[in-house]
Amino acid sequence: MSRSFAGAGVALVTPFTPSGDLDEPTLRKLVNRQVDEGIDVLVPCGTTGESVTLSADEQKRVIGIALEVSGGRVPVLAGAGSNDTTTAVEKTRAYAAMGAHGILSVGPYYNKPTPEGFFRHFSVIADASTVPVVVYNVPGRTGSNIDARTLLRLAAHPNITAVKEASGNLGQVMEIIRDRPAGFEVLSGDDALTLAFMALGGEGIISVAANQVPRAMHELAAACARDDFAEARRIHYRLLRLMNLNFVESSPIPVKTSLALMGLCAESFRLPLCPATEATKEALRTALRELELLA
């Protein structure tokens, strides 16, 4: 099963109204902005989309809006992970039936599976899926790492076509890139490592910063893809302050706060996330001004 998710994908935020409801009109505007500014892949209902505080119906609604508004202009990689394999399979089937072009499935959190548990979990999901599956390794969130050996076992499955690697371990990333099967894509899960990943042979990024700067993240990935690393370094260092600030508090607090400062959505979160500190807001204002993103 072949489908590319290369380039710059956006880990899309989920906008809420000030009262905490799903803000569908704003979500439509955000999706249109992403596509209009050249983003390569839409990734709704991931961590940045506060998926764990969305109801099942809300998750389907967010993915449905992304599919409807994008209208096939870019692929939609739907977040469908769970720490319960049965639930992950149900989500995978449902989102594939809605028309999602691929499934992003995070490593089970809290359970802390063994390597064999990871292998069985993702194999069952991939067996059930009618669209490509992208494994998401983010040990800082899940509490356990999908090691290179296990990931490479999974990469042999015909329905598992990529990994979003957010371990921060470039040694592990290099092992995967070196030993992966043909056609298997390695995508960075960390904005600040995009340049390094793609210099090593990776295919792209699923980006938090793309919410703020979709065109610049597309251009960064495109420059890397054509081996123009002088241009890639220029973009990388221009964006680095913002990339790092997006994680000074739990993501997506800083990126959503930025979008509120830019007038693109309300500064509204669902507990246990809460608004950023004033110090973070001021640092974000400074970074946004440097990038000419504030009036």
Protein backbone atom coordinates (compact mmCIF):
# COMPACT_ATOMS: atom_id res chain seq x y z
CA MET A 1 0.00 0.00 0.00
CA SER A 2 1.74 3.15 -1.19
CA ARG A 3 1.09 6.77 -0.27
CA SER A 4 3.61 9.51 0.35
CA PHE A 5 3.36 11.86 3.31
CA ALA A 6 6.64 13.58 2.49
CA GLY A 7 7.31 17.29 2.85
CA ALA A 8 5.86 19.46 5.60
CA GLY A 9 2.75 18.23 7.32
CA VAL A 10 0.96 20.31 9.92
CA ALA A 11 0.00 18.84 13.29
CA LEU A 12 -3.19 20.87 13.23
CA VAL A 13 -4.51 22.58 16.35
CA THR A 14 -8.16 22.16 17.26
CA PRO A 15 -9.75 25.56 17.90
CA PHE A 16 -12.29 25.94 20.69
CA THR A 17 -14.71 28.75 21.42
CA PRO A 18 -14.14 30.75 24.63
CA SER A 19 -16.71 28.47 26.28
CA GLY A 20 -14.72 25.38 25.24
CA ASP A 21 -16.84 24.06 22.38
CA LEU A 22 -15.40 22.93 19.05
CA ASP A 23 -15.07 26.05 16.87
CA GLU A 24 -15.98 24.70 13.44
CA PRO A 25 -15.90 28.00 11.47
CA THR A 26 -12.40 28.75 12.77
CA LEU A 27 -11.24 25.22 12.01
CA ARG A 28 -12.38 25.67 8.41
CA LYS A 29 -10.40 28.90 8.16
CA LEU A 30 -7.31 27.27 9.61
CA VAL A 31 -7.48 24.36 7.16
CA ASN A 32 -7.93 26.71 4.20
CA ARG A 33 -5.00 28.83 5.37
CA GLN A 34 -2.77 25.78 5.58
CA VAL A 35 -3.60 24.58 2.09
CA ASP A 36 -3.44 28.06 0.57
CA GLU A 37 0.03 28.58 2.05
CA GLY A 38 1.44 25.38 0.61
CA ILE A 39 1.36 22.80 3.39
CA ASP A 40 1.91 19.30 2.05
CA VAL A 41 -0.11 17.18 4.50
CA LEU A 42 -2.87 17.88 7.03
CA VAL A 43 -2.65 15.95 10.31
CA PRO A 44 -5.77 16.52 12.44
CA CYS A 45 -6.45 14.92 15.82
CA GLY A 46 -2.87 14.42 16.93
CA THR A 47 -1.33 15.59 20.18
CA THR A 48 -1.27 19.20 18.97
CA GLY A 49 -4.98 18.88 18.23
CA GLU A 50 -5.72 18.01 21.88
CA SER A 51 -7.21 14.75 20.65
CA VAL A 52 -7.31 13.15 24.08
CA THR A 53 -9.85 15.74 25.25
CA LEU A 54 -12.06 15.43 22.16
CA SER A 55 -15.06 13.15 22.24
CA ALA A 56 -15.33 10.40 19.61
CA ASP A 57 -17.92 12.46 17.73
CA GLU A 58 -15.72 15.57 17.88
CA GLN A 59 -12.74 13.67 16.52
CA LYS A 60 -14.81 12.48 13.56
CA ARG A 61 -16.08 16.01 13.02
CA VAL A 62 -12.57 17.51 13.00
CA ILE A 63 -11.34 14.91 10.52
CA GLY A 64 -14.45 15.33 8.39
CA ILE A 65 -13.94 19.10 8.20
CA ALA A 66 -10.28 18.66 7.26
CA LEU A 67 -11.29 16.30 4.46
CA GLU A 68 -14.16 18.49 3.28
CA VAL A 69 -12.30 21.80 3.26
CA SER A 70 -9.07 20.45 1.78
CA GLY A 71 -11.11 18.77 -0.94
CA GLY A 72 -8.33 16.42 -2.00
CA ARG A 73 -5.82 19.23 -2.54
CA VAL A 74 -3.50 17.64 0.03
CA PRO A 75 -3.61 14.29 1.83
CA VAL A 76 -5.19 14.05 5.28
CA LEU A 77 -3.34 11.88 7.77
CA ALA A 78 -5.83 11.31 10.56
CA GLY A 79 -4.72 10.83 14.16
CA ALA A 80 -6.30 7.59 15.31
CA GLY A 81 -4.11 6.40 18.16
CA SER A 82 -5.12 4.85 21.45
CA ASN A 83 -3.47 2.92 24.26
CA ASP A 84 -6.21 0.33 23.74
CA THR A 85 -5.61 -1.69 20.57
CA THR A 86 -9.30 -2.41 20.02
CA THR A 87 -10.16 1.30 20.17
CA ALA A 88 -7.27 2.15 17.83
CA VAL A 89 -8.58 -0.40 15.32
CA GLU A 90 -12.11 1.02 15.54
CA LYS A 91 -10.84 4.55 14.94
CA THR A 92 -8.64 3.42 12.08
CA ARG A 93 -11.51 1.71 10.29
CA ALA A 94 -13.88 4.62 10.87
CA TYR A 95 -11.49 7.33 9.63
CA ALA A 96 -10.43 5.29 6.61
CA ALA A 97 -14.11 4.85 5.72
CA MET A 98 -14.54 8.64 5.95
CA GLY A 99 -11.88 9.11 3.30
CA ALA A 100 -8.71 9.76 5.30
CA HIS A 101 -5.66 9.13 3.12
CA GLY A 102 -3.67 7.65 5.99
CA ILE A 103 -3.69 6.95 9.71
CA LEU A 104 -1.26 8.33 12.29
CA SER A 105 -1.14 5.91 15.21
CA VAL A 106 0.77 6.85 18.35
CA GLY A 107 2.59 4.33 20.51
CA PRO A 108 0.37 3.18 23.38
CA TYR A 109 0.76 5.53 26.32
CA TYR A 110 0.68 4.60 30.01
CA ASN A 111 0.64 0.83 29.32
CA LYS A 112 4.40 0.82 28.47
CA PRO A 113 4.37 -2.18 26.11
CA THR A 114 7.34 -4.44 25.53
CA PRO A 115 8.89 -4.41 22.03
CA GLU A 116 6.75 -7.44 21.18
CA GLY A 117 3.68 -5.62 22.48
CA PHE A 118 4.41 -2.67 20.21
CA PHE A 119 4.87 -5.02 17.28
CA ARG A 120 1.57 -6.82 17.88
CA HIS A 121 -0.35 -3.58 18.54
CA PHE A 122 0.67 -1.90 15.29
CA SER A 123 0.44 -5.10 13.27
CA VAL A 124 -3.19 -5.57 14.28
CA ILE A 125 -3.96 -1.95 13.37
CA ALA A 126 -2.21 -2.26 10.00
CA ASP A 127 -4.00 -5.55 9.25
CA ALA A 128 -7.33 -3.80 9.84
CA SER A 129 -6.55 -0.67 7.84
CA THR A 130 -7.51 -0.02 4.23
CA VAL A 131 -5.16 3.00 4.06
CA PRO A 132 -1.47 3.42 4.96
CA VAL A 133 -0.50 3.58 8.63
CA VAL A 134 2.17 5.91 10.00
CA VAL A 135 3.65 4.86 13.35
CA TYR A 136 4.20 7.74 15.77
CA ASN A 137 7.04 7.29 18.25
CA VAL A 138 7.04 9.98 20.94
CA PRO A 139 8.47 8.52 24.17
CA GLY A 140 8.35 11.89 25.92
CA ARG A 141 4.56 11.64 25.77
CA THR A 142 3.99 7.89 25.93
CA GLY A 143 6.63 6.86 28.46
CA SER A 144 8.21 4.21 26.25
CA ASN A 145 10.33 4.14 23.08
CA ILE A 146 9.73 2.08 19.94
CA ASP A 147 13.31 1.00 19.29
CA ALA A 148 14.88 0.77 15.84
CA ARG A 149 14.72 -3.02 15.72
CA THR A 150 11.00 -3.09 16.49
CA LEU A 151 10.25 -0.24 14.08
CA LEU A 152 12.12 -2.01 11.28
CA ARG A 153 10.08 -5.17 11.93
CA LEU A 154 6.95 -3.06 11.55
CA ALA A 155 8.30 -1.39 8.40
CA ALA A 156 8.15 -4.77 6.69
CA HIS A 157 4.34 -4.71 6.97
CA PRO A 158 2.87 -3.62 3.60
CA ASN A 159 0.37 -1.25 5.27
CA ILE A 160 2.94 0.50 7.52
CA THR A 161 4.54 3.04 5.22
CA ALA A 162 6.20 5.64 7.47
CA VAL A 163 7.22 6.65 10.96
CA LYS A 164 6.87 10.00 12.70
CA GLU A 165 9.99 9.85 14.87
CA ALA A 166 10.00 12.13 17.89
CA SER A 167 12.40 10.29 20.16
CA GLY A 168 15.06 12.99 19.67
CA ASN A 169 17.58 10.17 19.28
CA LEU A 170 19.44 10.79 16.02
CA GLY A 171 21.40 7.56 16.45
CA GLN A 172 18.13 5.63 16.41
CA VAL A 173 16.90 7.65 13.44
CA MET A 174 20.06 6.86 11.47
CA GLU A 175 19.62 3.13 12.11
CA ILE A 176 16.07 3.28 10.79
CA ILE A 177 17.02 5.29 7.70
CA ARG A 178 19.97 3.01 6.97
CA ASP A 179 18.07 -0.27 7.29
CA ARG A 180 14.50 0.59 6.23
CA PRO A 181 12.86 -1.10 3.24
CA ALA A 182 12.51 0.79 -0.02
CA GLY A 183 9.65 3.30 0.03
CA PHE A 184 9.40 3.53 3.83
CA GLU A 185 9.36 7.21 4.86
CA VAL A 186 10.99 8.67 7.97
CA LEU A 187 9.39 11.92 9.14
CA SER A 188 10.63 14.13 11.93
CA GLY A 189 8.34 14.74 14.87
CA ASP A 190 10.48 17.65 16.08
CA ASP A 191 10.54 20.94 14.13
CA ALA A 192 14.05 21.83 15.24
CA LEU A 193 15.38 18.50 13.91
CA THR A 194 13.80 18.76 10.45
CA LEU A 195 17.03 19.90 8.82
CA ALA A 196 19.04 17.13 10.50
CA PHE A 197 16.49 14.42 9.65
CA MET A 198 16.33 15.37 6.00
CA ALA A 199 20.10 15.77 5.70
CA LEU A 200 20.35 12.19 6.97
CA GLY A 201 17.88 11.00 4.35
CA GLY A 202 14.46 11.49 5.92
CA GLU A 203 11.49 12.67 3.89
CA GLY A 204 9.90 15.44 5.93
CA ILE A 205 8.32 16.75 9.10
CA ILE A 206 4.98 16.66 10.87
CA SER A 207 5.21 20.13 12.29
CA VAL A 208 3.82 22.15 15.17
CA ALA A 209 5.35 25.40 13.86
CA ALA A 210 3.53 24.94 10.57
CA ASN A 211 0.41 26.15 12.40
CA GLN A 212 2.11 29.54 12.63
CA VAL A 213 4.32 29.47 9.50
CA PRO A 214 2.99 26.91 7.01
CA ARG A 215 4.69 28.39 3.96
CA ALA A 216 8.08 28.63 5.68
CA MET A 217 7.91 25.02 6.88
CA HIS A 218 6.95 23.88 3.38
CA GLU A 219 9.90 25.83 1.99
CA LEU A 220 12.27 24.34 4.59
CA ALA A 221 11.27 20.79 3.68
CA ALA A 222 11.35 21.57 -0.04
CA ALA A 223 14.85 23.06 0.21
CA CYS A 224 16.08 19.95 2.02
CA ALA A 225 14.43 17.67 -0.53
CA ARG A 226 16.33 19.33 -3.38
CA ASP A 227 19.60 19.27 -1.38
CA ASP A 228 19.71 23.06 -1.10
CA PHE A 229 21.02 23.00 2.43
CA ALA A 230 22.27 26.57 2.35
CA GLU A 231 18.68 27.76 1.88
CA ALA A 232 17.43 25.18 4.38
CA ARG A 233 19.86 26.45 7.02
CA ARG A 234 18.74 30.03 6.39
CA ILE A 235 15.10 29.11 6.99
CA HIS A 236 15.93 26.82 9.91
CA TYR A 237 17.84 29.45 11.88
CA ARG A 238 15.22 32.10 11.10
CA LEU A 239 12.54 29.87 12.65
CA LEU A 240 14.56 28.23 15.41
CA ARG A 241 13.53 30.62 18.20
CA LEU A 242 9.85 30.05 17.42
CA MET A 243 10.34 26.28 17.10
CA ASN A 244 11.91 26.15 20.56
CA LEU A 245 9.37 28.48 22.15
CA ASN A 246 6.58 26.17 21.03
CA PHE A 247 7.78 23.74 23.70
CA VAL A 248 8.61 25.99 26.66
CA GLU A 249 5.24 24.90 28.04
CA SER A 250 3.32 21.75 27.21
CA SER A 251 2.39 21.73 23.55
CA PRO A 252 0.00 22.94 22.17
CA ILE A 253 -0.19 25.73 24.76
CA PRO A 254 2.45 28.00 23.13
CA VAL A 255 1.44 27.40 19.51
CA LYS A 256 -2.24 27.97 20.25
CA THR A 257 -1.36 31.10 22.23
CA SER A 258 0.59 32.31 19.18
CA LEU A 259 -2.38 31.75 16.91
CA ALA A 260 -4.53 33.74 19.33
CA LEU A 261 -1.99 36.59 19.28
CA MET A 262 -2.13 36.43 15.48
CA GLY A 263 -5.92 36.70 15.57
CA LEU A 264 -6.47 33.23 14.10
CA CYS A 265 -8.23 31.47 16.97
CA ALA A 266 -9.34 31.93 20.56
CA GLU A 267 -6.89 31.30 23.38
CA SER A 268 -9.03 28.43 24.61
CA PHE A 269 -7.90 25.05 25.97
CA ARG A 270 -9.47 22.07 27.64
CA LEU A 271 -8.25 21.05 31.05
CA PRO A 272 -5.81 19.81 32.12
CA LEU A 273 -4.17 22.26 29.68
CA CYS A 274 -4.46 25.91 30.65
CA PRO A 275 -3.36 29.32 29.32
CA ALA A 276 0.32 30.20 29.01
CA THR A 277 2.13 32.33 31.57
CA GLU A 278 2.62 36.01 30.84
CA ALA A 279 6.36 35.40 30.41
CA THR A 280 5.67 32.84 27.68
CA LYS A 281 3.20 35.15 25.97
CA GLU A 282 5.71 37.98 25.91
CA ALA A 283 8.43 35.73 24.50
CA LEU A 284 6.03 34.56 21.82
CA ARG A 285 5.07 38.14 20.96
CA THR A 286 8.74 38.97 20.46
CA ALA A 287 9.34 35.96 18.23
CA LEU A 288 6.21 36.59 16.19
CA ARG A 289 7.20 40.24 15.67
CA GLU A 290 10.65 39.14 14.47
CA LEU A 291 8.94 36.98 11.85
CA GLU A 292 6.51 39.78 10.95
CA LEU A 293 3.53 37.70 12.01
CA LEU A 294 1.96 40.39 14.21
CA ALA A 295 0.43 43.59 12.97
